[in-house]
Amino acid sequence: MLRNERTTCLVVGGGPAGLVLGLLIARAGVEVTVLEKHPDFLRDFRGDTVHASTLTLLDELGLGQRFAALPQQRINRMQVQLDGCSAQVADLRRLPGAHQHIAMVPQWDFLDLVADAAEAEPTFTLRRNAEVVDLLYDGGRVAGVRYRDRTDGTEHQIRAGLTIGCDGRASAVRAAAGMRPRSFGVPMDVWWFRLPRHAGDPDGGVGRVGTGEFAVMIDRGDYWQCAYLIRKGSDAEMRAAGIAQFRARIAGLLPWLSDRMDTLTSFDDVKLLDVKLDRLRRWYRDGLLLIGDAAHAMSPVGGVGINLAVADAVATARLLAPALRSGGIVPPALLRRVQLRRWWATALIQGAQRAAHRGILGERVAQPTDGPPQSQATSGMFDRDGDATPAAGSEVPFPLSMLQRFPALQGVPARLIAIGPLPEHAPEWARRSPQPAA
């Protein structure tokens, strides 16, 4: 049976942006429905970094204690390993405020937390297994969506005063609206995989830069979540070379991981991230707004995508809630204010990511014809506390040497990554007293 529904604000996508936006809109007393394509939030290798700016937001929403009770790893410094030496590049202990770290939490735990808080609000509805197939129109104005219930295949429609697409880089809402983003070419894709973490391994986030190679390891407690850069579009050819060749690549680039490479038994253990970097010229049309990755897909450089999307959601709720309260019809001029608020921070971060692609990563992306790198000696890279220390006779590039000579400078990259250029704060009407962990 066709279900015809109506809501004041319709949010498509139950990711970080969609659920945070839904929670905030509900706390404004506005009827809001969130459509999530999947039955749950369990997807592996989704972004798991919750930065200091988002941690502060959770405190403002009264969710900080509940978040702190989730199993997590905290990263308070970042380092890079070069051939023969290592250097610390960011010290988050120099950040202002209560959160001087990045929290590594499985994204499904974070989303469950926000969804639970939102479902406690009487005007909030989360509808799962709801896949958007088209938009509804009232004249030339977007007036809601048609969606498919993936449990039984039936199609339904829901009308709304405002529809907000938060459904990611492959946004069905954006495609249905015929909105095409401007794409910035990227030189790489990313292979994600896991390796066991042993006692004596370095702490926190580790970047490894070699000749024609680049990898990042994220400390997840008992394992490393690893990212390895490959040339854009080379996934099939590199997989054809076999898992043994890949194990040899990683062992050559990171010799201290060589004793656990046999845990990668096949390429089933290696997941491809198709890296995109794009941005809509216009994030809205009458009755419709796009935010987060739907409006601007981010590179994994810096791991800032989640936190930028959450900031979009906070700004959107703060700017649009008054109009939604007063009747639900939001004029395009007000949607434009959301884009103007968030555009420059997005463009700035994407510009920095593009510079990193060209100047840092572009020459260090593995190609199918590359053989495994030669092992480099790594003794002396870490002291007993896991701090980075140059190996004897090694040279640290000038920018890194300045960060070592003047440690206070390490607070600059820490702030850019963990807080960002335009952190957003919860409006007063959305704030709550701390809610203790269950």
Protein backbone atom coordinates (compact mmCIF):
# COMPACT_ATOMS: atom_id res chain seq x y z
CA MET A 1 0.00 0.00 0.00
CA LEU A 2 1.34 3.41 -0.96
CA ARG A 3 2.25 5.44 2.09
CA ASN A 4 1.74 9.19 1.76
CA GLU A 5 3.41 11.18 4.50
CA ARG A 6 4.13 14.77 5.31
CA THR A 7 6.75 16.43 7.48
CA THR A 8 8.08 19.94 7.97
CA CYS A 9 11.76 19.12 7.32
CA LEU A 10 12.91 16.02 5.46
CA VAL A 11 16.55 14.96 5.81
CA VAL A 12 17.87 12.33 3.39
CA GLY A 13 20.83 10.36 4.73
CA GLY A 14 21.50 9.02 8.22
CA GLY A 15 25.20 9.79 8.36
CA PRO A 16 26.90 12.26 10.73
CA ALA A 17 25.50 15.36 8.99
CA GLY A 18 21.98 13.98 8.62
CA LEU A 19 21.57 12.72 12.17
CA VAL A 20 23.15 15.77 13.83
CA LEU A 21 20.92 18.00 11.70
CA GLY A 22 17.87 15.91 12.57
CA LEU A 23 18.67 16.13 16.29
CA LEU A 24 19.10 19.91 16.17
CA ILE A 25 15.97 20.53 14.10
CA ALA A 26 13.96 18.34 16.50
CA ARG A 27 15.29 20.27 19.48
CA ALA A 28 13.99 23.41 17.80
CA GLY A 29 10.52 21.86 18.13
CA VAL A 30 10.22 21.28 14.38
CA GLU A 31 8.83 18.07 12.91
CA VAL A 32 11.69 16.31 11.10
CA THR A 33 12.04 12.94 9.37
CA VAL A 34 15.39 11.36 8.49
CA LEU A 35 15.47 8.72 5.73
CA GLU A 36 18.33 6.20 5.96
CA LYS A 37 18.92 3.78 3.10
CA HIS A 38 20.31 0.94 5.25
CA PRO A 39 18.82 -0.99 8.16
CA ASP A 40 21.71 -0.03 10.46
CA PHE A 41 24.94 1.98 10.52
CA LEU A 42 27.37 -0.96 10.29
CA ARG A 43 29.70 -0.12 7.41
CA ASP A 44 33.42 -0.88 7.70
CA PHE A 45 36.14 1.70 7.00
CA ARG A 46 33.82 4.67 7.27
CA GLY A 47 35.46 7.73 8.72
CA ASP A 48 35.96 7.16 12.45
CA THR A 49 37.72 10.36 13.46
CA VAL A 50 35.79 12.63 15.80
CA HIS A 51 37.75 15.85 16.07
CA ALA A 52 37.99 18.34 18.92
CA SER A 53 35.41 20.68 17.34
CA THR A 54 32.82 17.89 17.21
CA LEU A 55 33.69 16.77 20.74
CA THR A 56 32.97 20.31 21.93
CA LEU A 57 29.64 20.24 20.09
CA LEU A 58 28.71 16.97 21.83
CA ASP A 59 29.41 18.64 25.17
CA GLU A 60 27.10 21.52 24.23
CA LEU A 61 24.37 19.05 23.28
CA GLY A 62 24.71 17.27 26.62
CA LEU A 63 26.14 14.12 24.99
CA GLY A 64 29.79 14.46 25.96
CA GLN A 65 29.66 12.04 28.91
CA ARG A 66 27.83 9.42 26.90
CA PHE A 67 30.33 9.76 24.07
CA ALA A 68 33.29 9.51 26.47
CA ALA A 69 31.90 6.17 27.71
CA LEU A 70 32.14 4.64 24.22
CA PRO A 71 35.17 2.40 23.51
CA GLN A 72 37.69 4.65 21.80
CA GLN A 73 41.29 5.53 21.20
CA ARG A 74 42.53 9.07 21.67
CA ILE A 75 45.19 10.57 19.44
CA ASN A 76 47.01 13.61 20.79
CA ARG A 77 49.99 13.77 18.44
CA MET A 78 50.82 12.93 14.84
CA GLN A 79 54.13 12.01 13.33
CA VAL A 80 55.60 11.23 9.95
CA GLN A 81 58.24 8.62 9.18
CA LEU A 82 60.65 9.32 6.35
CA ASP A 83 63.43 7.12 5.01
CA GLY A 84 65.77 6.91 7.97
CA CYS A 85 64.12 9.44 10.27
CA SER A 86 60.89 10.43 11.92
CA ALA A 87 59.39 13.74 13.07
CA GLN A 88 56.36 14.87 15.04
CA VAL A 89 54.22 17.25 13.00
CA ALA A 90 51.20 18.01 15.22
CA ASP A 91 50.81 18.17 18.99
CA LEU A 92 47.13 18.28 19.93
CA ARG A 93 48.04 18.77 23.58
CA ARG A 94 48.56 22.43 22.60
CA LEU A 95 44.93 22.90 21.57
CA PRO A 96 42.70 25.28 23.54
CA GLY A 97 39.65 23.96 25.33
CA ALA A 98 38.74 20.73 27.06
CA HIS A 99 39.49 18.39 24.15
CA GLN A 100 43.15 18.16 23.24
CA HIS A 101 42.81 15.04 21.16
CA ILE A 102 41.02 13.32 18.30
CA ALA A 103 38.79 10.41 19.31
CA MET A 104 38.79 7.26 17.18
CA VAL A 105 35.35 5.70 17.55
CA PRO A 106 33.60 3.29 15.17
CA GLN A 107 31.23 5.49 13.22
CA TRP A 108 28.26 3.22 13.94
CA ASP A 109 28.72 3.85 17.68
CA PHE A 110 28.77 7.61 17.10
CA LEU A 111 25.68 7.44 14.89
CA ASP A 112 23.81 5.20 17.34
CA LEU A 113 24.52 7.74 20.08
CA VAL A 114 23.18 10.68 18.06
CA ALA A 115 20.19 8.67 16.79
CA ASP A 116 19.23 7.63 20.32
CA ALA A 117 19.37 11.26 21.47
CA ALA A 118 17.29 12.38 18.48
CA GLU A 119 14.65 9.68 18.97
CA ALA A 120 14.09 11.00 22.48
CA GLU A 121 12.68 14.16 20.87
CA PRO A 122 8.93 13.97 20.16
CA THR A 123 9.16 15.64 16.73
CA PHE A 124 11.89 13.32 15.35
CA THR A 125 11.37 10.27 13.14
CA LEU A 126 14.07 8.00 11.73
CA ARG A 127 12.91 5.77 8.89
CA ARG A 128 15.39 3.03 7.95
CA ASN A 129 15.60 0.93 4.76
CA ALA A 130 14.26 3.97 2.88
CA GLU A 131 16.01 4.46 -0.48
CA VAL A 132 15.23 7.69 -2.31
CA VAL A 133 14.34 7.13 -5.97
CA ASP A 134 13.11 10.54 -7.08
CA LEU A 135 12.06 14.02 -6.01
CA LEU A 136 8.53 15.37 -5.75
CA TYR A 137 7.72 18.83 -7.12
CA ASP A 138 5.07 21.45 -6.56
CA GLY A 139 5.38 23.56 -9.67
CA GLY A 140 9.10 24.27 -9.90
CA ARG A 141 9.69 23.79 -6.18
CA VAL A 142 11.05 20.59 -4.61
CA ALA A 143 8.30 19.30 -2.33
CA GLY A 144 9.67 16.00 -0.98
CA VAL A 145 10.78 12.59 -2.29
CA ARG A 146 9.62 9.22 -3.49
CA TYR A 147 11.39 6.39 -1.74
CA ARG A 148 11.51 2.61 -1.84
CA ASP A 149 11.11 0.50 1.28
CA ARG A 150 13.97 -1.96 0.87
CA THR A 151 12.34 -4.52 3.16
CA ASP A 152 9.43 -5.22 0.76
CA GLY A 153 10.15 -3.19 -2.39
CA THR A 154 7.11 -0.95 -2.06
CA GLU A 155 7.33 2.71 -3.04
CA HIS A 156 6.07 5.60 -0.92
CA GLN A 157 6.24 9.36 -0.91
CA ILE A 158 6.81 11.95 1.74
CA ARG A 159 6.15 15.66 1.24
CA ALA A 160 8.06 18.33 3.11
CA GLY A 161 8.37 22.08 3.42
CA LEU A 162 12.14 21.67 3.02
CA THR A 163 14.21 18.72 1.79
CA ILE A 164 17.89 18.53 2.81
CA GLY A 165 20.23 16.07 1.09
CA CYS A 166 22.89 14.65 3.41
CA ASP A 167 23.33 11.40 1.48
CA GLY A 168 27.03 11.54 0.71
CA ARG A 169 29.30 11.79 -2.28
CA ALA A 170 27.04 9.55 -4.42
CA SER A 171 23.97 11.57 -3.45
CA ALA A 172 20.71 10.25 -4.94
CA VAL A 173 19.05 13.57 -4.10
CA ARG A 174 21.69 15.52 -6.01
CA ALA A 175 21.38 13.20 -9.02
CA ALA A 176 17.58 13.43 -9.03
CA ALA A 177 17.82 17.22 -8.94
CA GLY A 178 20.23 17.24 -11.89
CA MET A 179 22.84 19.12 -9.87
CA ARG A 180 26.39 18.31 -10.99
CA PRO A 181 29.42 19.23 -8.86
CA ARG A 182 32.64 20.66 -10.18
CA SER A 183 35.23 17.89 -9.90
CA PHE A 184 38.85 18.53 -8.95
CA GLY A 185 41.12 15.79 -10.26
CA VAL A 186 42.87 13.64 -7.69
CA PRO A 187 45.93 11.48 -8.36
CA MET A 188 45.12 8.65 -6.00
CA ASP A 189 42.70 6.15 -4.55
CA VAL A 190 43.15 4.54 -1.13
CA TRP A 191 43.37 0.93 0.00
CA TRP A 192 42.10 0.42 3.55
CA PHE A 193 43.12 -2.59 5.62
CA ARG A 194 43.87 -3.66 9.19
CA LEU A 195 46.99 -5.01 10.84
CA PRO A 196 47.49 -6.12 14.46
CA ARG A 197 49.07 -3.60 16.82
CA HIS A 198 51.84 -4.86 19.10
CA ALA A 199 53.38 -3.59 22.32
CA GLY A 200 56.20 -1.20 21.51
CA ASP A 201 54.57 0.15 18.36
CA PRO A 202 54.38 3.96 18.06
CA ASP A 203 51.39 5.75 19.57
CA GLY A 204 48.81 7.88 17.81
CA GLY A 205 48.64 8.61 14.10
CA VAL A 206 51.64 7.73 11.94
CA GLY A 207 52.31 8.81 8.36
CA ARG A 208 55.00 7.00 6.36
CA VAL A 209 56.51 8.84 3.40
CA GLY A 210 58.85 6.96 1.11
CA THR A 211 60.07 7.17 -2.47
CA GLY A 212 56.95 6.57 -4.52
CA GLU A 213 55.05 5.35 -1.44
CA PHE A 214 52.72 6.86 1.15
CA ALA A 215 50.80 5.20 3.98
CA VAL A 216 48.94 6.31 7.09
CA MET A 217 48.37 4.20 10.21
CA ILE A 218 45.69 5.09 12.75
CA ASP A 219 46.02 3.64 16.25
CA ARG A 220 42.82 1.73 17.07
CA GLY A 221 44.08 0.10 20.29
CA ASP A 222 44.61 -3.54 19.39
CA TYR A 223 44.98 -2.94 15.65
CA TRP A 224 46.15 -0.40 13.10
CA GLN A 225 43.68 0.99 10.60
CA CYS A 226 45.92 1.49 7.59
CA ALA A 227 45.57 3.54 4.43
CA TYR A 228 47.85 2.97 1.45
CA LEU A 229 47.77 5.30 -1.54
CA ILE A 230 47.62 3.90 -5.07
CA ARG A 231 47.52 5.60 -8.45
CA LYS A 232 44.00 6.63 -9.43
CA GLY A 233 42.26 3.85 -11.36
CA SER A 234 44.99 1.26 -10.79
CA ASP A 235 43.07 -0.93 -8.33
CA ALA A 236 42.37 -3.87 -10.65
CA GLU A 237 45.88 -3.98 -12.09
CA MET A 238 47.54 -3.84 -8.68
CA ARG A 239 45.28 -6.55 -7.30
CA ALA A 240 46.21 -8.73 -10.28
CA ALA A 241 49.83 -8.67 -9.06
CA GLY A 242 48.73 -10.70 -6.04
CA ILE A 243 48.53 -10.26 -2.27
CA ALA A 244 52.13 -11.42 -1.80
CA GLN A 245 53.40 -8.44 -3.78
CA PHE A 246 51.29 -6.08 -1.67
CA ARG A 247 52.54 -7.62 1.58
CA ALA A 248 56.09 -7.11 0.31
CA ARG A 249 55.32 -3.46 -0.49
CA ILE A 250 54.11 -2.75 3.04
CA ALA A 251 56.94 -4.70 4.68
CA GLY A 252 59.46 -2.73 2.62
CA LEU A 253 57.85 0.61 3.41
CA LEU A 254 57.26 -0.19 7.10
CA PRO A 255 59.72 -2.88 8.22
CA TRP A 256 58.40 -2.82 11.80
CA LEU A 257 55.12 -4.23 10.45
CA SER A 258 56.75 -7.12 8.58
CA ASP A 259 56.17 -9.61 11.41
CA ARG A 260 52.38 -9.42 10.97
CA MET A 261 51.90 -9.11 7.21
CA ASP A 262 50.68 -12.69 6.92
CA THR A 263 47.41 -11.58 8.56
CA LEU A 264 46.52 -10.12 5.13
CA THR A 265 45.47 -13.43 3.63
CA SER A 266 43.84 -12.10 0.44
CA PHE A 267 42.60 -8.93 -1.21
CA ASP A 268 39.25 -9.55 0.47
CA ASP A 269 41.00 -7.89 3.45
CA VAL A 270 41.77 -4.75 1.41
CA LYS A 271 38.96 -2.27 0.66
CA LEU A 272 39.08 0.39 -2.05
CA LEU A 273 38.12 4.01 -1.36
CA ASP A 274 37.42 5.81 -4.63
CA VAL A 275 38.78 9.24 -3.69
CA LYS A 276 36.79 12.22 -4.92
CA LEU A 277 37.19 15.94 -4.43
CA ASP A 278 34.34 18.03 -5.76
CA ARG A 279 32.02 20.91 -4.88
CA LEU A 280 28.67 22.17 -6.10
CA ARG A 281 28.69 25.72 -7.40
CA ARG A 282 25.22 26.14 -5.92
CA TRP A 283 24.13 24.03 -2.96
CA TYR A 284 20.41 24.77 -3.14
CA ARG A 285 17.32 25.30 -5.22
CA ASP A 286 13.79 26.21 -4.19
CA GLY A 287 12.75 23.69 -1.52
CA LEU A 288 16.07 21.81 -1.53
CA LEU A 289 19.47 22.17 0.17
CA LEU A 290 22.53 19.92 -0.03
CA ILE A 291 25.23 19.82 2.66
CA GLY A 292 28.15 17.63 3.68
CA ASP A 293 29.63 15.30 1.06
CA ALA A 294 26.50 15.73 -1.07
CA ALA A 295 27.57 19.34 -1.60
CA HIS A 296 31.34 18.90 -1.37
CA ALA A 297 33.13 15.54 -1.35
CA MET A 298 36.38 15.78 0.59
CA SER A 299 39.70 14.01 0.15
CA PRO A 300 40.78 11.79 3.08
CA VAL A 301 43.77 14.12 3.62
CA GLY A 302 43.53 15.30 7.23
CA GLY A 303 40.50 13.11 7.95
CA VAL A 304 38.30 16.21 8.23
CA GLY A 305 35.28 15.14 6.17
CA ILE A 306 33.03 14.08 9.05
CA ASN A 307 33.70 17.17 11.10
CA LEU A 308 33.16 19.51 8.15
CA ALA A 309 29.82 17.80 7.43
CA VAL A 310 28.78 18.11 11.08
CA ALA A 311 29.69 21.81 11.04
CA ASP A 312 27.50 22.21 7.94
CA ALA A 313 24.63 20.60 9.85
CA VAL A 314 25.01 22.91 12.85
CA ALA A 315 25.09 26.05 10.70
CA THR A 316 22.09 24.81 8.71
CA ALA A 317 20.00 24.20 11.83
CA ARG A 318 20.91 27.54 13.40
CA LEU A 319 20.09 29.54 10.27
CA LEU A 320 16.95 27.69 9.16
CA ALA A 321 15.20 26.66 12.39
CA PRO A 322 13.35 29.99 12.87
CA ALA A 323 11.82 29.81 9.39
CA LEU A 324 10.94 26.13 9.83
CA ARG A 325 9.24 26.90 13.15
CA SER A 326 7.10 29.59 11.54
CA GLY A 327 5.62 27.44 8.81
CA GLY A 328 8.19 25.24 7.12
CA ILE A 329 8.63 27.15 3.85
CA VAL A 330 12.21 28.33 3.65
CA PRO A 331 12.94 30.89 0.89
CA PRO A 332 15.95 30.31 -1.41
CA ALA A 333 17.61 33.46 -0.05
CA LEU A 334 17.86 31.79 3.36
CA LEU A 335 19.28 28.60 1.84
CA ARG A 336 21.85 30.78 0.12
CA ARG A 337 22.92 32.09 3.53
CA VAL A 338 23.84 28.54 4.56
CA GLN A 339 26.08 28.18 1.52
CA LEU A 340 27.68 31.57 2.08
CA ARG A 341 28.38 30.66 5.71
CA ARG A 342 30.02 27.32 4.93
CA TRP A 343 31.49 27.88 1.46
CA TRP A 344 34.72 29.64 2.34
CA ALA A 345 35.78 27.12 5.00
CA THR A 346 35.04 24.28 2.58
CA ALA A 347 36.94 25.93 -0.27
CA LEU A 348 39.89 26.67 2.01
CA ILE A 349 40.17 23.07 3.19
CA GLN A 350 39.72 21.68 -0.30
CA GLY A 351 42.39 24.07 -1.54
CA ALA A 352 44.80 22.75 1.07
CA GLN A 353 43.91 19.18 0.10
CA ARG A 354 44.53 19.93 -3.57
CA ALA A 355 47.91 21.43 -2.70
CA ALA A 356 48.75 18.28 -0.73
CA HIS A 357 47.73 16.14 -3.70
CA ARG A 358 50.00 18.07 -6.03
CA GLY A 359 52.97 18.89 -3.86
CA ILE A 360 53.18 16.06 -1.33
CA LEU A 361 51.19 13.03 -2.38
CA GLY A 362 51.31 13.18 -6.16
CA GLU A 363 54.85 11.85 -6.37
CA ARG A 364 54.31 9.26 -3.64
CA VAL A 365 51.41 7.25 -5.01
CA ALA A 366 52.13 3.60 -5.76
CA GLN A 367 51.81 2.42 -9.37
CA PRO A 368 51.30 -1.10 -10.67
CA THR A 369 54.80 -1.17 -12.21
CA ASP A 370 56.49 -0.25 -8.93
CA GLY A 371 58.28 -3.04 -7.17
CA PRO A 372 58.37 -3.41 -3.40
CA PRO A 373 60.51 -0.67 -1.81
CA GLN A 374 63.77 -1.56 -0.20
CA SER A 375 63.59 -1.83 3.59
CA GLN A 376 64.93 1.14 5.51
CA ALA A 377 66.50 0.92 8.93
CA THR A 378 64.13 2.27 11.55
CA SER A 379 65.97 1.76 14.80
CA GLY A 380 66.07 4.90 16.89
CA MET A 381 62.87 6.31 15.45
CA PHE A 382 60.92 6.05 18.69
CA ASP A 383 61.79 6.54 22.31
CA ARG A 384 60.13 4.62 25.14
CA ASP A 385 57.06 6.85 25.05
CA GLY A 386 56.64 6.46 21.30
CA ASP A 387 57.91 9.99 20.57
CA ALA A 388 59.49 10.58 17.19
CA THR A 389 63.27 10.98 17.22
CA PRO A 390 65.58 11.43 14.24
CA ALA A 391 67.80 8.49 13.45
CA ALA A 392 71.53 9.09 13.51
CA GLY A 393 72.82 10.77 10.38
CA SER A 394 69.34 11.44 9.00
CA GLU A 395 68.11 14.71 7.56
CA VAL A 396 64.71 16.14 8.35
CA PRO A 397 63.20 18.41 5.64
CA PHE A 398 63.24 22.09 6.57
CA PRO A 399 59.51 22.51 7.40
CA LEU A 400 59.63 19.46 9.64
CA SER A 401 62.90 20.57 11.21
CA MET A 402 61.28 23.88 12.17
CA LEU A 403 58.46 21.99 13.87
CA GLN A 404 61.04 20.03 15.85
CA ARG A 405 63.12 23.08 16.71
CA PHE A 406 60.11 25.14 17.79
CA PRO A 407 57.59 22.64 19.22
CA ALA A 408 55.00 25.38 19.82
CA LEU A 409 54.53 25.51 16.04
CA GLN A 410 53.10 22.00 16.19
CA GLY A 411 49.95 23.57 17.60
CA VAL A 412 49.23 25.17 14.21
CA PRO A 413 48.66 21.98 12.17
CA ALA A 414 46.96 20.50 15.25
CA ARG A 415 44.41 23.34 15.28
CA LEU A 416 43.85 23.23 11.51
CA ILE A 417 43.10 19.50 11.62
CA ALA A 418 41.30 19.09 14.95
CA ILE A 419 39.31 22.35 15.07
CA GLY A 420 39.34 23.73 11.54
CA PRO A 421 38.94 27.27 10.19
CA LEU A 422 35.26 27.76 11.14
CA PRO A 423 34.03 25.58 14.03
CA GLU A 424 30.28 25.79 14.63
CA HIS A 425 28.61 25.79 18.04
CA ALA A 426 25.19 24.56 19.08
CA PRO A 427 22.53 27.28 19.32
CA GLU A 428 21.22 27.93 22.81
CA TRP A 429 17.85 26.28 22.14
CA ALA A 430 19.60 22.98 21.29
CA ARG A 431 21.84 22.79 24.35
CA ARG A 432 21.21 20.41 27.21
CA SER A 433 22.73 19.55 30.57
CA PRO A 434 25.18 16.62 30.51
CA GLN A 435 23.45 13.26 30.12
CA PRO A 436 25.28 10.49 32.01
CA ALA A 437 26.27 7.31 30.23
CA ALA A 438 23.76 4.49 30.49
